[in-house]
C-alpha cells in the first residue's frame, strides 16, 4: 500500500505566487491544487481531499482568515497556513490574525516554506 501524498490547496490572487508555491511544493512530494480567489477555493475543497490550505492573508473580496472560516463550514479536516508581505507583529496587532495561527512572511525562501509546511502538517 502506498501512502497518499499530502494535498495542499494554495490560494492567492497573484498567479506568480501560486506558480512559486507549486514549484516549491511539488518536488517536495506534495500535490498542489491552486485557486486564485475564495470562491474558486471553496469549489475545489468540495471536490478534493485537502490536508493543508495555504492562503494569502489579504485578497480582494475575501481574505485568508475569512476564507478558512468558510472552508471549515464545508469540512474541518485540514490545517491552515497564512502568508503575507506584512510582518507578523503588524498582522497580529491589527487583529487580522491571532498569534496562535500558522503564518509565514513573504518573501520566504524555498527552504523556509518547505520547513513551515512540514511543521504545520506535523502538528
Protein backbone atom coordinates (compact mmCIF):
# COMPACT_ATOMS: atom_id res chain seq x y z
CA UNK A 1 0.00 0.00 0.00
CA UNK A 2 1.42 3.38 -0.97
CA UNK A 3 0.94 6.43 1.16
CA UNK A 4 -1.05 9.23 -0.40
CA UNK A 5 0.73 12.49 -1.00
CA UNK A 6 -0.33 15.35 1.26
CA UNK A 7 -2.64 17.59 -0.75
CA UNK A 8 -2.25 21.37 -0.41
CA UNK A 9 -4.76 23.95 -1.61
CA UNK A 10 -2.87 27.17 -2.37
CA UNK A 11 -4.96 30.34 -2.57
CA UNK A 12 -3.51 33.67 -3.70
CA UNK A 13 -4.72 36.38 -6.05
CA UNK A 14 -1.22 36.67 -7.55
CA UNK A 15 -0.60 33.96 -10.13
CA UNK A 16 3.19 34.29 -9.70
CA UNK A 17 2.88 33.36 -6.02
CA UNK A 18 0.77 30.32 -6.95
CA UNK A 19 3.39 29.24 -9.50
CA UNK A 20 6.15 29.66 -6.90
CA UNK A 21 4.25 27.64 -4.28
CA UNK A 22 3.67 24.86 -6.80
CA UNK A 23 7.31 24.90 -7.95
CA UNK A 24 8.50 24.55 -4.35
CA UNK A 25 5.96 22.05 -3.03
CA UNK A 26 5.57 19.53 -5.87
CA UNK A 27 9.26 18.45 -5.82
CA UNK A 28 8.95 18.04 -2.03
CA UNK A 29 6.30 15.37 -2.59
CA UNK A 30 3.11 17.39 -2.17
CA UNK A 31 0.15 17.50 -4.50
CA UNK A 32 -0.82 21.14 -5.18
CA UNK A 33 -4.24 22.49 -6.07
CA UNK A 34 -4.30 26.19 -6.99
CA UNK A 35 -7.07 28.75 -6.59
CA UNK A 36 -6.94 32.48 -7.34
CA UNK A 37 -9.78 33.51 -5.02
CA UNK A 38 -12.05 32.35 -2.25
CA UNK A 39 -14.90 31.18 -4.48
CA UNK A 40 -12.59 29.00 -6.55
CA UNK A 41 -11.04 27.60 -3.33
CA UNK A 42 -14.48 26.70 -1.95
CA UNK A 43 -15.37 24.83 -5.14
CA UNK A 44 -12.10 22.92 -5.15
CA UNK A 45 -12.42 21.99 -1.47
CA UNK A 46 -15.85 20.48 -2.17
CA UNK A 47 -14.31 18.27 -4.87
CA UNK A 48 -10.96 17.33 -3.34
CA UNK A 49 -9.47 15.98 -0.12
CA UNK A 50 -7.18 18.69 1.28
CA UNK A 51 -4.66 18.35 4.11
CA UNK A 52 -3.47 21.96 4.20
CA UNK A 53 -4.74 25.30 2.92
CA UNK A 54 -2.10 27.95 2.26
CA UNK A 55 -3.78 31.32 1.83
CA UNK A 56 -2.71 34.91 1.45
CA UNK A 57 -3.95 36.97 4.39
CA UNK A 58 -5.23 39.83 2.23
CA UNK A 59 -7.03 39.24 -1.06
CA UNK A 60 -9.85 41.08 -2.86
CA UNK A 61 -13.35 40.07 -1.74
CA UNK A 62 -12.23 37.56 0.92
CA UNK A 63 -9.02 37.43 2.95
CA UNK A 64 -7.37 34.28 4.22
CA UNK A 65 -8.95 34.10 7.70
CA UNK A 66 -12.45 34.65 6.30
CA UNK A 67 -11.80 32.08 3.59
CA UNK A 68 -10.65 29.46 6.09
CA UNK A 69 -13.75 30.13 8.21
CA UNK A 70 -15.93 29.49 5.15
CA UNK A 71 -13.94 26.42 4.12
CA UNK A 72 -14.38 24.98 7.64
CA UNK A 73 -18.15 25.14 7.12
CA UNK A 74 -17.67 22.64 4.27
CA UNK A 75 -15.08 20.44 6.02
CA UNK A 76 -12.92 20.68 9.11
CA UNK A 77 -10.22 18.09 8.44
CA UNK A 78 -7.49 20.41 7.14
CA UNK A 79 -4.82 22.68 8.59
CA UNK A 80 -4.19 26.29 7.57
CA UNK A 81 -1.06 28.32 6.88
CA UNK A 82 -1.30 32.04 6.14
CA UNK A 83 1.16 34.01 4.00
CA UNK A 84 1.56 37.77 3.69
CA UNK A 85 4.02 40.52 2.96
CA UNK A 86 3.09 42.15 6.27
CA UNK A 87 5.20 41.43 9.34
CA UNK A 88 3.92 39.03 11.97
CA UNK A 89 3.59 41.85 14.54
CA UNK A 90 1.76 44.12 12.10
CA UNK A 91 -0.82 41.47 11.28
CA UNK A 92 -1.48 40.40 14.87
CA UNK A 93 -1.62 43.98 16.19
CA UNK A 94 -4.18 44.92 13.55
CA UNK A 95 -6.30 41.95 14.57
CA UNK A 96 -6.05 40.28 11.16
CA UNK A 97 -4.54 37.09 12.58
CA UNK A 98 -4.32 35.69 16.07
CA UNK A 99 -0.82 34.99 17.38
CA UNK A 100 -1.50 31.24 17.55
CA UNK A 101 -2.26 30.99 13.81
CA UNK A 102 0.31 29.46 11.45
CA UNK A 103 1.99 32.23 9.46
CA UNK A 104 4.99 32.82 7.20
CA UNK A 105 6.01 36.23 5.91
CA UNK A 106 6.70 36.94 2.22
CA UNK A 107 9.21 36.86 0.75
CA UNK A 108 10.08 33.42 2.04
CA UNK A 109 12.81 31.09 0.90
CA UNK A 110 12.26 27.68 -0.63
CA UNK A 111 13.68 26.01 2.48
CA UNK A 112 11.74 28.30 4.83
CA UNK A 113 8.45 27.48 3.10
CA UNK A 114 9.19 23.75 2.99
CA UNK A 115 10.06 23.72 6.72
CA UNK A 116 6.95 25.68 7.69
CA UNK A 117 4.64 23.45 5.63
CA UNK A 118 6.14 20.32 7.21
CA UNK A 119 5.85 21.89 10.69
CA UNK A 120 2.17 22.73 10.20
CA UNK A 121 1.31 19.31 8.74
CA UNK A 122 3.09 17.56 11.64
CA UNK A 123 1.18 19.49 14.34
